[in-house]
C-alpha atoms as a PDB file:
ATOM      1  CA  MET A   1    -119.945 -84.420 -50.483  1.00  0.00           C
ATOM      2  CA  LYS A   2    -121.979 -82.808 -47.737  1.00  0.00           C
ATOM      3  CA  VAL A   3    -125.038 -80.672 -48.478  1.00  0.00           C
ATOM      4  CA  LEU A   4    -127.097 -78.541 -46.111  1.00  0.00           C
ATOM      5  CA  LEU A   5    -130.705 -78.107 -47.219  1.00  0.00           C
ATOM      6  CA  ASP A   6    -133.339 -75.726 -45.878  1.00  0.00           C
ATOM      7  CA  ILE A   7    -136.709 -77.418 -46.371  1.00  0.00           C
ATOM      8  CA  LYS A   8    -140.188 -76.392 -45.250  1.00  0.00           C
ATOM      9  CA  ASP A   9    -141.331 -78.549 -42.343  1.00  0.00           C
ATOM     10  CA  ASN A  10    -144.383 -79.877 -44.171  1.00  0.00           C
ATOM     11  CA  LYS A  11    -142.188 -81.196 -47.013  1.00  0.00           C
ATOM     12  CA  ALA A  12    -139.164 -82.374 -45.034  1.00  0.00           C
ATOM     13  CA  LEU A  13    -140.537 -85.702 -43.821  1.00  0.00           C
ATOM     14  CA  HIS A  14    -141.265 -86.905 -47.344  1.00  0.00           C
ATOM     15  CA  LEU A  15    -137.863 -85.843 -48.656  1.00  0.00           C
ATOM     16  CA  MET A  16    -136.065 -87.473 -45.713  1.00  0.00           C
ATOM     17  CA  GLU A  17    -137.850 -90.752 -46.469  1.00  0.00           C
ATOM     18  CA  VAL A  18    -136.744 -90.542 -50.113  1.00  0.00           C
ATOM     19  CA  LEU A  19    -133.143 -89.798 -49.129  1.00  0.00           C
ATOM     20  CA  LYS A  20    -133.046 -92.607 -46.565  1.00  0.00           C
ATOM     21  CA  GLY A  21    -134.242 -94.979 -49.291  1.00  0.00           C
ATOM     22  CA  LEU A  22    -131.074 -94.328 -51.295  1.00  0.00           C
ATOM     23  CA  SER A  23    -128.313 -96.692 -50.195  1.00  0.00           C
ATOM     24  CA  TYR A  24    -125.557 -94.206 -51.078  1.00  0.00           C
ATOM     25  CA  VAL A  25    -127.005 -91.322 -49.020  1.00  0.00           C
ATOM     26  CA  LYS A  26    -126.675 -90.819 -45.280  1.00  0.00           C
ATOM     27  CA  ALA A  27    -129.300 -88.316 -44.097  1.00  0.00           C
ATOM     28  CA  LYS A  28    -129.855 -86.897 -40.631  1.00  0.00           C
ATOM     29  CA  THR A  29    -131.640 -83.860 -39.263  1.00  0.00           C
ATOM     30  CA  ILE A  30    -129.945 -81.081 -37.311  1.00  0.00           C
ATOM     31  CA  SER A  31    -131.364 -78.431 -35.034  1.00  0.00           C
ATOM     32  CA  GLU A  32    -132.023 -74.853 -36.131  1.00  0.00           C
ATOM     33  CA  GLU A  33    -129.293 -73.704 -33.748  1.00  0.00           C
ATOM     34  CA  LYS A  34    -126.732 -76.028 -35.283  1.00  0.00           C
ATOM     35  CA  ALA A  35    -127.731 -74.947 -38.805  1.00  0.00           C
ATOM     36  CA  LEU A  36    -127.340 -71.293 -37.798  1.00  0.00           C
ATOM     37  CA  LEU A  37    -123.926 -72.009 -36.281  1.00  0.00           C
ATOM     38  CA  ILE A  38    -122.791 -73.730 -39.481  1.00  0.00           C
ATOM     39  CA  GLU A  39    -123.934 -70.741 -41.558  1.00  0.00           C
ATOM     40  CA  GLU A  40    -122.147 -68.280 -39.259  1.00  0.00           C
ATOM     41  CA  ILE A  41    -118.912 -70.277 -39.372  1.00  0.00           C
ATOM     42  CA  LYS A  42    -119.138 -70.463 -43.173  1.00  0.00           C
ATOM     43  CA  GLU A  43    -119.631 -66.690 -43.343  1.00  0.00           C
ATOM     44  CA  ALA A  44    -116.615 -66.140 -41.073  1.00  0.00           C
ATOM     45  CA  VAL A  45    -114.434 -68.373 -43.257  1.00  0.00           C
ATOM     46  CA  ASP A  46    -115.635 -66.570 -46.389  1.00  0.00           C
ATOM     47  CA  ASN A  47    -114.799 -63.210 -44.788  1.00  0.00           C
ATOM     48  CA  LEU A  48    -111.344 -64.449 -43.805  1.00  0.00           C
ATOM     49  CA  THR A  49    -110.750 -65.559 -47.380  1.00  0.00           C
ATOM     50  CA  LEU A  50    -111.745 -62.094 -48.637  1.00  0.00           C
ATOM     51  CA  VAL A  51    -109.378 -60.459 -46.125  1.00  0.00           C
ATOM     52  CA  ARG A  52    -106.506 -62.660 -47.270  1.00  0.00           C
ATOM     53  CA  GLN A  53    -107.269 -61.756 -50.893  1.00  0.00           C
ATOM     54  CA  GLY A  54    -107.254 -58.059 -49.979  1.00  0.00           C
ATOM     55  CA  LYS A  55    -110.923 -57.623 -50.936  1.00  0.00           C
ATOM     56  CA  LEU A  56    -112.066 -56.898 -47.372  1.00  0.00           C
ATOM     57  CA  LYS A  57    -110.348 -54.807 -44.750  1.00  0.00           C
ATOM     58  CA  ALA A  58    -109.661 -56.489 -41.415  1.00  0.00           C
ATOM     59  CA  ARG A  59    -109.869 -54.895 -37.997  1.00  0.00           C
ATOM     60  CA  PRO A  60    -107.145 -55.389 -35.399  1.00  0.00           C
ATOM     61  CA  ALA A  61    -108.201 -57.819 -32.655  1.00  0.00           C
ATOM     62  CA  LYS A  62    -107.177 -55.228 -30.051  1.00  0.00           C
ATOM     63  CA  ASP A  63    -109.830 -52.813 -31.366  1.00  0.00           C
ATOM     64  CA  LEU A  64    -112.448 -55.554 -31.248  1.00  0.00           C
ATOM     65  CA  LEU A  65    -111.570 -56.457 -27.661  1.00  0.00           C
ATOM     66  CA  ASN A  66    -111.665 -52.797 -26.606  1.00  0.00           C
ATOM     67  CA  GLU A  67    -115.284 -52.616 -27.798  1.00  0.00           C
ATOM     68  CA  LEU A  68    -116.227 -55.390 -25.392  1.00  0.00           C
END
């Protein structure tokens, strides 16, 4: 299982040391940009799921490209 945590900087070092001390946990830090990208991709996948379920209306790609 993978988990993404958002931890205050002044608490993160201590928690990372605890996690690294557990033999069954692999812990590594990622940049803010990478965390933001992961969140945006997750949101896009969630939106796609809602569209497929008919709970969210999709826009044709042609309309999106015309806006650019």
